[in-house]
PDB file of all heavy atoms in Angstrom:
ATOM      1  N   ILE A   1       0.865  -1.172   0.000  1.00  0.00           N
ATOM      2  CA  ILE A   1       0.000   0.000   0.000  1.00  0.00           C
ATOM      3  C   ILE A   1       0.909   1.232   0.000  1.00  0.00           C
ATOM      4  O   ILE A   1       1.666   1.442   0.943  1.00  0.00           O
ATOM      5  CB  ILE A   1      -0.932   0.035   1.236  1.00  0.00           C
ATOM      6  CG1 ILE A   1      -1.787  -1.219   1.303  1.00  0.00           C
ATOM      7  CG2 ILE A   1      -1.781   1.308   1.224  1.00  0.00           C
ATOM      8  CD1 ILE A   1      -2.767  -1.381   0.177  1.00  0.00           C
ATOM      9  N   ILE A   2       0.835   2.015  -1.076  1.00  0.00           N
ATOM     10  CA  ILE A   2       1.707   3.178  -1.192  1.00  0.00           C
ATOM     11  C   ILE A   2       0.979   4.419  -0.694  1.00  0.00           C
ATOM     12  O   ILE A   2      -0.246   4.469  -0.640  1.00  0.00           O
ATOM     13  CB  ILE A   2       2.201   3.387  -2.634  1.00  0.00           C
ATOM     14  CG1 ILE A   2       1.017   3.580  -3.601  1.00  0.00           C
ATOM     15  CG2 ILE A   2       3.087   2.232  -3.060  1.00  0.00           C
ATOM     16  CD1 ILE A   2       1.419   4.046  -4.966  1.00  0.00           C
ATOM     17  N   ARG A   3       1.758   5.426  -0.350  1.00  0.00           N
ATOM     18  CA  ARG A   3       1.182   6.699   0.065  1.00  0.00           C
ATOM     19  C   ARG A   3       1.828   7.805  -0.761  1.00  0.00           C
ATOM     20  O   ARG A   3       3.002   7.733  -1.117  1.00  0.00           O
ATOM     21  CB  ARG A   3       1.370   6.942   1.554  1.00  0.00           C
ATOM     22  CG  ARG A   3       2.793   7.054   1.994  1.00  0.00           C
ATOM     23  CD  ARG A   3       2.907   7.341   3.486  1.00  0.00           C
ATOM     24  NE  ARG A   3       4.290   7.456   3.868  1.00  0.00           N
ATOM     25  CZ  ARG A   3       5.022   8.556   3.698  1.00  0.00           C
ATOM     26  NH1 ARG A   3       4.498   9.637   3.179  1.00  0.00           N
ATOM     27  NH2 ARG A   3       6.287   8.579   4.054  1.00  0.00           N
ATOM     28  N   THR A   4       1.027   8.790  -1.074  1.00  0.00           N
ATOM     29  CA  THR A   4       1.541   9.935  -1.818  1.00  0.00           C
ATOM     30  C   THR A   4       1.341  11.192  -0.991  1.00  0.00           C
ATOM     31  O   THR A   4       0.432  11.271  -0.168  1.00  0.00           O
ATOM     32  CB  THR A   4       0.816  10.105  -3.179  1.00  0.00           C
ATOM     33  OG1 THR A   4      -0.579  10.312  -2.943  1.00  0.00           O
ATOM     34  CG2 THR A   4       1.008   8.889  -4.064  1.00  0.00           C
ATOM     35  N   ASP A   5       2.207  12.143  -1.218  1.00  0.00           N
ATOM     36  CA  ASP A   5       2.102  13.432  -0.548  1.00  0.00           C
ATOM     37  C   ASP A   5       2.697  14.473  -1.483  1.00  0.00           C
ATOM     38  O   ASP A   5       3.502  14.150  -2.362  1.00  0.00           O
ATOM     39  CB  ASP A   5       2.862  13.424   0.777  1.00  0.00           C
ATOM     40  CG  ASP A   5       2.316  14.415   1.785  1.00  0.00           C
ATOM     41  OD1 ASP A   5       1.481  15.270   1.402  1.00  0.00           O
ATOM     42  OD2 ASP A   5       2.722  14.349   2.953  1.00  0.00           O
ATOM     43  N   TRP A   6       2.295  15.708  -1.308  1.00  0.00           N
ATOM     44  CA  TRP A   6       2.835  16.781  -2.133  1.00  0.00           C
ATOM     45  C   TRP A   6       4.291  16.995  -1.799  1.00  0.00           C
ATOM     46  O   TRP A   6       4.715  16.840  -0.654  1.00  0.00           O
ATOM     47  CB  TRP A   6       2.051  18.085  -1.903  1.00  0.00           C
ATOM     48  CG  TRP A   6       0.677  18.010  -2.442  1.00  0.00           C
ATOM     49  CD1 TRP A   6      -0.482  17.927  -1.724  1.00  0.00           C
ATOM     50  CD2 TRP A   6       0.298  17.981  -3.823  1.00  0.00           C
ATOM     51  NE1 TRP A   6      -1.552  17.847  -2.585  1.00  0.00           N
ATOM     52  CE2 TRP A   6      -1.103  17.879  -3.873  1.00  0.00           C
ATOM     53  CE3 TRP A   6       1.009  18.020  -5.013  1.00  0.00           C
ATOM     54  CZ2 TRP A   6      -1.803  17.826  -5.065  1.00  0.00           C
ATOM     55  CZ3 TRP A   6       0.313  17.958  -6.212  1.00  0.00           C
ATOM     56  CH2 TRP A   6      -1.085  17.867  -6.236  1.00  0.00           C
ATOM     57  N   ASP A   7       5.070  17.365  -2.804  1.00  0.00           N
ATOM     58  CA  ASP A   7       6.470  17.697  -2.623  1.00  0.00           C
ATOM     59  C   ASP A   7       6.719  19.059  -3.238  1.00  0.00           C
ATOM     60  O   ASP A   7       6.074  19.424  -4.226  1.00  0.00           O
ATOM     61  CB  ASP A   7       7.357  16.640  -3.295  1.00  0.00           C
ATOM     62  CG  ASP A   7       8.802  16.832  -2.930  1.00  0.00           C
ATOM     63  OD1 ASP A   7       9.173  16.454  -1.804  1.00  0.00           O
ATOM     64  OD2 ASP A   7       9.553  17.390  -3.754  1.00  0.00           O
ATOM     65  N   THR A   8       7.649  19.797  -2.678  1.00  0.00           N
ATOM     66  CA  THR A   8       7.911  21.155  -3.163  1.00  0.00           C
ATOM     67  C   THR A   8       8.583  21.175  -4.530  1.00  0.00           C
ATOM     68  O   THR A   8       8.661  22.220  -5.164  1.00  0.00           O
ATOM     69  CB  THR A   8       8.801  21.928  -2.170  1.00  0.00           C
ATOM     70  OG1 THR A   8       9.995  21.182  -1.942  1.00  0.00           O
ATOM     71  CG2 THR A   8       8.070  22.178  -0.871  1.00  0.00           C
ATOM     72  N   GLY A   9       9.027  20.043  -4.996  1.00  0.00           N
ATOM     73  CA  GLY A   9       9.699  19.951  -6.291  1.00  0.00           C
ATOM     74  C   GLY A   9      11.070  19.341  -6.104  1.00  0.00           C
ATOM     75  O   GLY A   9      11.782  19.668  -5.154  1.00  0.00           O
ATOM     76  N   PHE A  10      11.420  18.440  -6.986  1.00  0.00           N
ATOM     77  CA  PHE A  10      12.682  17.721  -6.857  1.00  0.00           C
ATOM     78  C   PHE A  10      13.869  18.636  -7.114  1.00  0.00           C
ATOM     79  O   PHE A  10      13.868  19.427  -8.046  1.00  0.00           O
ATOM     80  CB  PHE A  10      12.723  16.540  -7.829  1.00  0.00           C
ATOM     81  CG  PHE A  10      14.022  15.814  -7.777  1.00  0.00           C
ATOM     82  CD1 PHE A  10      14.303  14.954  -6.735  1.00  0.00           C
ATOM     83  CD2 PHE A  10      14.982  16.017  -8.747  1.00  0.00           C
ATOM     84  CE1 PHE A  10      15.523  14.298  -6.663  1.00  0.00           C
ATOM     85  CE2 PHE A  10      16.204  15.367  -8.694  1.00  0.00           C
ATOM     86  CZ  PHE A  10      16.472  14.510  -7.648  1.00  0.00           C
ATOM     87  N   LYS A  11      14.871  18.507  -6.251  1.00  0.00           N
ATOM     88  CA  LYS A  11      16.156  19.174  -6.439  1.00  0.00           C
ATOM     89  C   LYS A  11      17.237  18.113  -6.290  1.00  0.00           C
ATOM     90  O   LYS A  11      17.108  17.202  -5.472  1.00  0.00           O
ATOM     91  CB  LYS A  11      16.347  20.279  -5.403  1.00  0.00           C
ATOM     92  CG  LYS A  11      15.427  21.466  -5.627  1.00  0.00           C
ATOM     93  CD  LYS A  11      15.739  22.598  -4.668  1.00  0.00           C
ATOM     94  CE  LYS A  11      14.880  23.817  -4.871  1.00  0.00           C
ATOM     95  NZ  LYS A  11      13.518  23.635  -5.235  1.00  0.00           N
ATOM     96  N   GLU A  12      18.269  18.224  -7.084  1.00  0.00           N
ATOM     97  CA  GLU A  12      19.358  17.241  -7.056  1.00  0.00           C
ATOM     98  C   GLU A  12      19.857  17.029  -5.623  1.00  0.00           C
ATOM     99  O   GLU A  12      20.022  17.988  -4.867  1.00  0.00           O
ATOM    100  CB  GLU A  12      20.507  17.715  -7.953  1.00  0.00           C
ATOM    101  CG  GLU A  12      21.582  16.677  -8.167  1.00  0.00           C
ATOM    102  CD  GLU A  12      21.078  15.389  -8.785  1.00  0.00           C
ATOM    103  OE1 GLU A  12      20.221  15.431  -9.694  1.00  0.00           O
ATOM    104  OE2 GLU A  12      21.529  14.321  -8.337  1.00  0.00           O
ATOM    105  N   GLY A  13      20.058  15.786  -5.264  1.00  0.00           N
ATOM    106  CA  GLY A  13      20.504  15.415  -3.925  1.00  0.00           C
ATOM    107  C   GLY A  13      19.381  14.867  -3.063  1.00  0.00           C
ATOM    108  O   GLY A  13      19.622  14.130  -2.111  1.00  0.00           O
ATOM    109  N   ARG A  14      18.142  15.221  -3.404  1.00  0.00           N
ATOM    110  CA  ARG A  14      17.001  14.757  -2.597  1.00  0.00           C
ATOM    111  C   ARG A  14      16.630  13.318  -2.900  1.00  0.00           C
ATOM    112  O   ARG A  14      15.771  12.743  -2.236  1.00  0.00           O
ATOM    113  CB  ARG A  14      15.784  15.666  -2.823  1.00  0.00           C
ATOM    114  CG  ARG A  14      16.040  17.055  -2.236  1.00  0.00           C
ATOM    115  CD  ARG A  14      14.793  17.860  -2.028  1.00  0.00           C
ATOM    116  NE  ARG A  14      13.834  17.170  -1.210  1.00  0.00           N
ATOM    117  CZ  ARG A  14      12.532  17.132  -1.487  1.00  0.00           C
ATOM    118  NH1 ARG A  14      12.057  17.739  -2.539  1.00  0.00           N
ATOM    119  NH2 ARG A  14      11.702  16.498  -0.703  1.00  0.00           N
ATOM    120  N   GLN A  15      17.253  12.714  -3.913  1.00  0.00           N
ATOM    121  CA  GLN A  15      16.932  11.326  -4.237  1.00  0.00           C
ATOM    122  C   GLN A  15      17.576  10.352  -3.253  1.00  0.00           C
ATOM    123  O   GLN A  15      17.280   9.176  -3.282  1.00  0.00           O
ATOM    124  CB  GLN A  15      17.345  10.982  -5.669  1.00  0.00           C
ATOM    125  CG  GLN A  15      18.848  10.885  -5.904  1.00  0.00           C
ATOM    126  CD  GLN A  15      19.466  12.187  -6.344  1.00  0.00           C
ATOM    127  OE1 GLN A  15      19.066  13.261  -5.915  1.00  0.00           O
ATOM    128  NE2 GLN A  15      20.461  12.101  -7.207  1.00  0.00           N
ATOM    129  N   TYR A  16      18.421  10.859  -2.355  1.00  0.00           N
ATOM    130  CA  TYR A  16      19.106   9.972  -1.423  1.00  0.00           C
ATOM    131  C   TYR A  16      18.403   9.928  -0.072  1.00  0.00           C
ATOM    132  O   TYR A  16      17.898  10.938   0.422  1.00  0.00           O
ATOM    133  CB  TYR A  16      20.560  10.431  -1.233  1.00  0.00           C
ATOM    134  CG  TYR A  16      21.328  10.388  -2.524  1.00  0.00           C
ATOM    135  CD1 TYR A  16      21.758  11.554  -3.128  1.00  0.00           C
ATOM    136  CD2 TYR A  16      21.583   9.172  -3.166  1.00  0.00           C
ATOM    137  CE1 TYR A  16      22.450  11.519  -4.329  1.00  0.00           C
ATOM    138  CE2 TYR A  16      22.265   9.129  -4.367  1.00  0.00           C
ATOM    139  CZ  TYR A  16      22.692  10.302  -4.941  1.00  0.00           C
ATOM    140  OH  TYR A  16      23.363  10.260  -6.134  1.00  0.00           O
ATOM    141  N   GLY A  17      18.388   8.720   0.525  1.00  0.00           N
ATOM    142  CA  GLY A  17      17.812   8.547   1.848  1.00  0.00           C
ATOM    143  C   GLY A  17      18.541   9.411   2.864  1.00  0.00           C
ATOM    144  O   GLY A  17      19.737   9.682   2.727  1.00  0.00           O
ATOM    145  N   ARG A  18      17.831   9.833   3.891  1.00  0.00           N
ATOM    146  CA  ARG A  18      18.396  10.734   4.898  1.00  0.00           C
ATOM    147  C   ARG A  18      18.783  10.028   6.189  1.00  0.00           C
ATOM    148  O   ARG A  18      19.193  10.656   7.143  1.00  0.00           O
ATOM    149  CB  ARG A  18      17.386  11.843   5.212  1.00  0.00           C
ATOM    150  CG  ARG A  18      17.118  12.731   4.025  1.00  0.00           C
ATOM    151  CD  ARG A  18      16.058  13.749   4.370  1.00  0.00           C
ATOM    152  NE  ARG A  18      15.816  14.663   3.261  1.00  0.00           N
ATOM    153  CZ  ARG A  18      14.837  15.533   3.229  1.00  0.00           C
ATOM    154  NH1 ARG A  18      13.990  15.627   4.248  1.00  0.00           N
ATOM    155  NH2 ARG A  18      14.677  16.328   2.192  1.00  0.00           N
ATOM    156  N   GLY A  19      18.641   8.709   6.199  1.00  0.00           N
ATOM    157  CA  GLY A  19      19.009   7.967   7.400  1.00  0.00           C
ATOM    158  C   GLY A  19      20.510   7.882   7.579  1.00  0.00           C
ATOM    159  O   GLY A  19      21.283   8.025   6.631  1.00  0.00           O
ATOM    160  N   LYS A  20      20.955   7.626   8.812  1.00  0.00           N
ATOM    161  CA  LYS A  20      22.389   7.529   9.110  1.00  0.00           C
ATOM    162  C   LYS A  20      23.053   6.391   8.343  1.00  0.00           C
ATOM    163  O   LYS A  20      24.227   6.462   8.005  1.00  0.00           O
ATOM    164  CB  LYS A  20      22.591   7.326  10.612  1.00  0.00           C
ATOM    165  CG  LYS A  20      22.235   8.545  11.424  1.00  0.00           C
ATOM    166  CD  LYS A  20      22.394   8.293  12.905  1.00  0.00           C
ATOM    167  CE  LYS A  20      21.920   9.514  13.653  1.00  0.00           C
ATOM    168  NZ  LYS A  20      21.377   9.214  14.940  1.00  0.00           N
ATOM    169  N   SER A  21      22.288   5.336   8.060  1.00  0.00           N
ATOM    170  CA  SER A  21      22.859   4.189   7.352  1.00  0.00           C
ATOM    171  C   SER A  21      22.743   4.333   5.834  1.00  0.00           C
ATOM    172  O   SER A  21      23.139   3.431   5.100  1.00  0.00           O
ATOM    173  CB  SER A  21      22.174   2.903   7.814  1.00  0.00           C
ATOM    174  OG  SER A  21      20.802   2.941   7.465  1.00  0.00           O
ATOM    175  N   GLY A  22      22.175   5.435   5.350  1.00  0.00           N
ATOM    176  CA  GLY A  22      22.079   5.670   3.916  1.00  0.00           C
ATOM    177  C   GLY A  22      20.687   5.563   3.347  1.00  0.00           C
ATOM    178  O   GLY A  22      20.383   6.142   2.324  1.00  0.00           O
ATOM    179  N   GLY A  23      19.817   4.781   4.011  1.00  0.00           N
ATOM    180  CA  GLY A  23      18.441   4.613   3.541  1.00  0.00           C
ATOM    181  C   GLY A  23      17.499   5.605   4.203  1.00  0.00           C
ATOM    182  O   GLY A  23      17.914   6.675   4.634  1.00  0.00           O
ATOM    183  N   GLN A  24      16.236   5.204   4.287  1.00  0.00           N
ATOM    184  CA  GLN A  24      15.256   6.075   4.929  1.00  0.00           C
ATOM    185  C   GLN A  24      15.331   5.947   6.442  1.00  0.00           C
ATOM    186  O   GLN A  24      15.592   4.872   6.983  1.00  0.00           O
ATOM    187  CB  GLN A  24      13.848   5.724   4.449  1.00  0.00           C
ATOM    188  CG  GLN A  24      13.598   6.159   3.018  1.00  0.00           C
ATOM    189  CD  GLN A  24      12.147   5.987   2.660  1.00  0.00           C
ATOM    190  OE1 GLN A  24      11.727   4.910   2.293  1.00  0.00           O
ATOM    191  NE2 GLN A  24      11.386   7.050   2.789  1.00  0.00           N
ATOM    192  N   VAL A  25      15.060   7.038   7.117  1.00  0.00           N
ATOM    193  CA  VAL A  25      15.104   7.068   8.573  1.00  0.00           C
ATOM    194  C   VAL A  25      14.140   6.037   9.154  1.00  0.00           C
ATOM    195  O   VAL A  25      14.488   5.293  10.069  1.00  0.00           O
ATOM    196  CB  VAL A  25      14.785   8.491   9.107  1.00  0.00           C
ATOM    197  CG1 VAL A  25      14.679   8.502  10.616  1.00  0.00           C
ATOM    198  CG2 VAL A  25      15.825   9.486   8.620  1.00  0.00           C
ATOM    199  N   ARG A  26      12.929   5.939   8.588  1.00  0.00           N
ATOM    200  CA  ARG A  26      11.939   5.017   9.152  1.00  0.00           C
ATOM    201  C   ARG A  26      12.393   3.567   9.088  1.00  0.00           C
ATOM    202  O   ARG A  26      11.999   2.743   9.896  1.00  0.00           O
ATOM    203  CB  ARG A  26      10.587   5.197   8.465  1.00  0.00           C
ATOM    204  CG  ARG A  26      10.566   4.747   7.012  1.00  0.00           C
ATOM    205  CD  ARG A  26       9.212   4.965   6.374  1.00  0.00           C
ATOM    206  NE  ARG A  26       8.280   4.000   6.870  1.00  0.00           N
ATOM    207  CZ  ARG A  26       7.665   3.099   6.129  1.00  0.00           C
ATOM    208  NH1 ARG A  26       7.845   3.080   4.841  1.00  0.00           N
ATOM    209  NH2 ARG A  26       6.848   2.244   6.660  1.00  0.00           N
ATOM    210  N   ASP A  27      13.239   3.216   8.115  1.00  0.00           N
ATOM    211  CA  ASP A  27      13.719   1.838   8.010  1.00  0.00           C
ATOM    212  C   ASP A  27      14.830   1.536   9.018  1.00  0.00           C
ATOM    213  O   ASP A  27      15.143   0.381   9.258  1.00  0.00           O
ATOM    214  CB  ASP A  27      14.196   1.542   6.591  1.00  0.00           C
ATOM    215  CG  ASP A  27      13.035   1.349   5.632  1.00  0.00           C
ATOM    216  OD1 ASP A  27      12.065   0.675   6.019  1.00  0.00           O
ATOM    217  OD2 ASP A  27      13.091   1.877   4.523  1.00  0.00           O
ATOM    218  N   GLU A  28      15.410   2.549   9.597  1.00  0.00           N
ATOM    219  CA  GLU A  28      16.414   2.311  10.629  1.00  0.00           C
ATOM    220  C   GLU A  28      15.760   1.871  11.931  1.00  0.00           C
ATOM    221  O   GLU A  28      16.304   1.060  12.661  1.00  0.00           O
ATOM    222  CB  GLU A  28      17.248   3.570  10.857  1.00  0.00           C
ATOM    223  CG  GLU A  28      18.101   3.890   9.646  1.00  0.00           C
ATOM    224  CD  GLU A  28      19.005   5.078   9.837  1.00  0.00           C
ATOM    225  OE1 GLU A  28      18.801   5.864  10.780  1.00  0.00           O
ATOM    226  OE2 GLU A  28      19.922   5.211   9.019  1.00  0.00           O
ATOM    227  N   TYR A  29      14.587   2.379  12.220  1.00  0.00           N
ATOM    228  CA  TYR A  29      13.932   2.118  13.499  1.00  0.00           C
ATOM    229  C   TYR A  29      12.878   1.016  13.445  1.00  0.00           C
ATOM    230  O   TYR A  29      12.370   0.606  14.477  1.00  0.00           O
ATOM    231  CB  TYR A  29      13.304   3.423  14.026  1.00  0.00           C
ATOM    232  CG  TYR A  29      14.355   4.454  14.314  1.00  0.00           C
ATOM    233  CD1 TYR A  29      14.605   5.492  13.417  1.00  0.00           C
ATOM    234  CD2 TYR A  29      15.145   4.379  15.454  1.00  0.00           C
ATOM    235  CE1 TYR A  29      15.602   6.424  13.658  1.00  0.00           C
ATOM    236  CE2 TYR A  29      16.141   5.308  15.712  1.00  0.00           C
ATOM    237  CZ  TYR A  29      16.359   6.323  14.815  1.00  0.00           C
ATOM    238  OH  TYR A  29      17.349   7.239  15.055  1.00  0.00           O
ATOM    239  N   ARG A  30      12.561   0.552  12.255  1.00  0.00           N
ATOM    240  CA  ARG A  30      11.525  -0.472  12.103  1.00  0.00           C
ATOM    241  C   ARG A  30      11.969  -1.772  12.776  1.00  0.00           C
ATOM    242  O   ARG A  30      13.077  -2.244  12.565  1.00  0.00           O
ATOM    243  CB  ARG A  30      11.279  -0.684  10.598  1.00  0.00           C
ATOM    244  CG  ARG A  30      10.116  -1.527  10.249  1.00  0.00           C
ATOM    245  CD  ARG A  30       9.818  -1.506   8.759  1.00  0.00           C
ATOM    246  NE  ARG A  30      10.978  -1.456   7.878  1.00  0.00           N
ATOM    247  CZ  ARG A  30      11.778  -2.496   7.629  1.00  0.00           C
ATOM    248  NH1 ARG A  30      11.559  -3.647   8.190  1.00  0.00           N
ATOM    249  NH2 ARG A  30      12.813  -2.362   6.821  1.00  0.00           N
ATOM    250  N   GLN A  31      11.093  -2.360  13.618  1.00  0.00           N
ATOM    251  CA  GLN A  31      11.407  -3.587  14.350  1.00  0.00           C
ATOM    252  C   GLN A  31      10.848  -4.839  13.674  1.00  0.00           C
ATOM    253  O   GLN A  31      11.264  -5.938  13.977  1.00  0.00           O
ATOM    254  CB  GLN A  31      10.849  -3.504  15.780  1.00  0.00           C
ATOM    255  CG  GLN A  31      11.505  -2.442  16.628  1.00  0.00           C
ATOM    256  CD  GLN A  31      12.957  -2.751  16.938  1.00  0.00           C
ATOM    257  OE1 GLN A  31      13.316  -3.876  17.229  1.00  0.00           O
ATOM    258  NE2 GLN A  31      13.799  -1.734  16.858  1.00  0.00           N
ATOM    259  N   ASP A  32       9.903  -4.650  12.747  1.00  0.00           N
ATOM    260  CA  ASP A  32       9.280  -5.802  12.099  1.00  0.00           C
ATOM    261  C   ASP A  32      10.119  -6.291  10.921  1.00  0.00           C
ATOM    262  O   ASP A  32      10.970  -5.581  10.411  1.00  0.00           O
ATOM    263  CB  ASP A  32       7.866  -5.455  11.617  1.00  0.00           C
ATOM    264  CG  ASP A  32       7.868  -4.339  10.587  1.00  0.00           C
ATOM    265  OD1 ASP A  32       8.627  -3.371  10.755  1.00  0.00           O
ATOM    266  OD2 ASP A  32       7.104  -4.444   9.606  1.00  0.00           O
ATOM    267  N   TYR A  33       9.871  -7.519  10.513  1.00  0.00           N
ATOM    268  CA  TYR A  33      10.552  -8.092   9.359  1.00  0.00           C
ATOM    269  C   TYR A  33       9.734  -7.782   8.119  1.00  0.00           C
ATOM    270  O   TYR A  33       8.574  -8.141   8.025  1.00  0.00           O
ATOM    271  CB  TYR A  33      10.715  -9.610   9.523  1.00  0.00           C
ATOM    272  CG  TYR A  33      11.465 -10.232   8.373  1.00  0.00           C
ATOM    273  CD1 TYR A  33      12.845 -10.119   8.298  1.00  0.00           C
ATOM    274  CD2 TYR A  33      10.789 -10.904   7.365  1.00  0.00           C
ATOM    275  CE1 TYR A  33      13.549 -10.671   7.243  1.00  0.00           C
ATOM    276  CE2 TYR A  33      11.489 -11.456   6.298  1.00  0.00           C
ATOM    277  CZ  TYR A  33      12.860 -11.337   6.248  1.00  0.00           C
ATOM    278  OH  TYR A  33      13.560 -11.872   5.197  1.00  0.00           O
ATOM    279  N   ASP A  34      10.333  -7.106   7.162  1.00  0.00           N
ATOM    280  CA  ASP A  34       9.661  -6.728   5.923  1.00  0.00           C
ATOM    281  C   ASP A  34      10.592  -7.071   4.758  1.00  0.00           C
ATOM    282  O   ASP A  34      11.522  -6.309   4.459  1.00  0.00           O
ATOM    283  CB  ASP A  34       9.333  -5.237   5.941  1.00  0.00           C
ATOM    284  CG  ASP A  34       8.462  -4.802   4.773  1.00  0.00           C
ATOM    285  OD1 ASP A  34       8.360  -5.539   3.773  1.00  0.00           O
ATOM    286  OD2 ASP A  34       7.888  -3.700   4.861  1.00  0.00           O
TER     287      ASP A  34
END
């Protein structure tokens, strides 16, 4: 199930995850197996 939200417009560099490990922040803290 995907979710969409408005974005201010793509700028170079925003294609990279912002988490400390390189991916998305939410995937760093997720405890479930996906």
